[in-house]
Amino acid sequence: MTQRDIAGYLNIDRTTLYNWKKSKPNLYKTLMLGLMVDEIIEKNEKSLNELKELKESFLQLKTTQKQ
């Protein structure tokens, strides 16, 4: 995610984000960590859904082979 994307997501100007980085580094770091956590959660949810789909496919294949 670019700085422009982050600013858009937060509904602030890109220069505001830059100013926070310089004048309020703890706020900036907290925002960045929060966004990273969101991204990690999204990726994990996607992986979980893919694993569920693979499990379902495997179970269907297993059931088909028994018949």
C-alpha atoms as a PDB file:
ATOM      1  CA  MET A   1       0.000   0.000   0.000  1.00  0.00           C
ATOM      2  CA  THR A   2       1.487   3.353  -1.019  1.00  0.00           C
ATOM      3  CA  GLN A   3       1.480   6.515   1.070  1.00  0.00           C
ATOM      4  CA  ARG A   4      -1.196   7.877  -1.248  1.00  0.00           C
ATOM      5  CA  ASP A   5      -3.303   4.754  -0.726  1.00  0.00           C
ATOM      6  CA  ILE A   6      -2.915   5.005   3.041  1.00  0.00           C
ATOM      7  CA  ALA A   7      -3.877   8.679   3.041  1.00  0.00           C
ATOM      8  CA  GLY A   8      -6.929   7.890   0.926  1.00  0.00           C
ATOM      9  CA  TYR A   9      -7.895   5.028   3.230  1.00  0.00           C
ATOM     10  CA  LEU A  10      -7.626   7.352   6.238  1.00  0.00           C
ATOM     11  CA  ASN A  11      -9.415  10.141   4.353  1.00  0.00           C
ATOM     12  CA  ILE A  12      -6.549  12.569   4.901  1.00  0.00           C
ATOM     13  CA  ASP A  13      -4.160  14.422   2.627  1.00  0.00           C
ATOM     14  CA  ARG A  14      -0.880  12.761   1.775  1.00  0.00           C
ATOM     15  CA  THR A  15       1.004  15.728   3.245  1.00  0.00           C
ATOM     16  CA  THR A  16      -0.837  15.235   6.536  1.00  0.00           C
ATOM     17  CA  LEU A  17       0.450  11.681   6.663  1.00  0.00           C
ATOM     18  CA  TYR A  18       3.958  12.925   5.874  1.00  0.00           C
ATOM     19  CA  ASN A  19       3.688  15.578   8.607  1.00  0.00           C
ATOM     20  CA  TRP A  20       2.554  12.966  11.121  1.00  0.00           C
ATOM     21  CA  LYS A  21       5.562  10.881  10.202  1.00  0.00           C
ATOM     22  CA  LYS A  22       7.859  13.818  11.014  1.00  0.00           C
ATOM     23  CA  SER A  23       6.082  15.490  13.938  1.00  0.00           C
ATOM     24  CA  LYS A  24       4.179  12.577  15.505  1.00  0.00           C
ATOM     25  CA  PRO A  25       6.287   9.480  14.876  1.00  0.00           C
ATOM     26  CA  ASN A  26       4.490   7.363  17.490  1.00  0.00           C
ATOM     27  CA  LEU A  27       1.111   8.086  15.891  1.00  0.00           C
ATOM     28  CA  TYR A  28       2.522   7.279  12.467  1.00  0.00           C
ATOM     29  CA  LYS A  29       4.074   4.008  13.683  1.00  0.00           C
ATOM     30  CA  THR A  30       0.822   3.021  15.393  1.00  0.00           C
ATOM     31  CA  LEU A  31      -1.135   3.649  12.191  1.00  0.00           C
ATOM     32  CA  MET A  32       1.332   1.657  10.112  1.00  0.00           C
ATOM     33  CA  LEU A  33       1.276  -1.266  12.556  1.00  0.00           C
ATOM     34  CA  GLY A  34      -2.515  -1.230  12.595  1.00  0.00           C
ATOM     35  CA  LEU A  35      -2.622  -1.326   8.806  1.00  0.00           C
ATOM     36  CA  MET A  36      -0.102  -4.174   8.782  1.00  0.00           C
ATOM     37  CA  VAL A  37      -2.259  -6.144  11.208  1.00  0.00           C
ATOM     38  CA  ASP A  38      -5.309  -5.572   8.979  1.00  0.00           C
ATOM     39  CA  GLU A  39      -3.346  -6.788   5.968  1.00  0.00           C
ATOM     40  CA  ILE A  40      -2.114  -9.887   7.825  1.00  0.00           C
ATOM     41  CA  ILE A  41      -5.651 -10.716   8.944  1.00  0.00           C
ATOM     42  CA  GLU A  42      -6.960 -10.354   5.375  1.00  0.00           C
ATOM     43  CA  LYS A  43      -4.235 -12.649   4.033  1.00  0.00           C
ATOM     44  CA  ASN A  44      -4.877 -15.231   6.742  1.00  0.00           C
ATOM     45  CA  GLU A  45      -8.621 -15.185   6.057  1.00  0.00           C
ATOM     46  CA  LYS A  46      -7.943 -15.691   2.361  1.00  0.00           C
ATOM     47  CA  SER A  47      -5.599 -18.588   3.112  1.00  0.00           C
ATOM     48  CA  LEU A  48      -8.149 -20.130   5.453  1.00  0.00           C
ATOM     49  CA  ASN A  49     -10.837 -19.932   2.770  1.00  0.00           C
ATOM     50  CA  GLU A  50      -8.495 -21.541   0.237  1.00  0.00           C
ATOM     51  CA  LEU A  51      -7.726 -24.346   2.697  1.00  0.00           C
ATOM     52  CA  LYS A  52     -11.439 -24.907   3.303  1.00  0.00           C
ATOM     53  CA  GLU A  53     -12.012 -25.137  -0.450  1.00  0.00           C
ATOM     54  CA  LEU A  54      -9.151 -27.635  -0.796  1.00  0.00           C
ATOM     55  CA  LYS A  55     -10.547 -29.702   2.059  1.00  0.00           C
ATOM     56  CA  GLU A  56     -13.981 -29.738   0.443  1.00  0.00           C
ATOM     57  CA  SER A  57     -12.481 -30.763  -2.907  1.00  0.00           C
ATOM     58  CA  PHE A  58     -10.479 -33.503  -1.235  1.00  0.00           C
ATOM     59  CA  LEU A  59     -13.530 -34.818   0.607  1.00  0.00           C
ATOM     60  CA  GLN A  60     -15.561 -34.848  -2.616  1.00  0.00           C
ATOM     61  CA  LEU A  61     -12.776 -36.685  -4.411  1.00  0.00           C
ATOM     62  CA  LYS A  62     -12.472 -39.175  -1.576  1.00  0.00           C
ATOM     63  CA  THR A  63     -16.226 -39.788  -1.602  1.00  0.00           C
ATOM     64  CA  THR A  64     -16.214 -40.258  -5.395  1.00  0.00           C
ATOM     65  CA  GLN A  65     -13.359 -42.774  -5.220  1.00  0.00           C
ATOM     66  CA  LYS A  66     -15.195 -44.892  -2.617  1.00  0.00           C
ATOM     67  CA  GLN A  67     -18.140 -45.383  -4.958  1.00  0.00           C
END
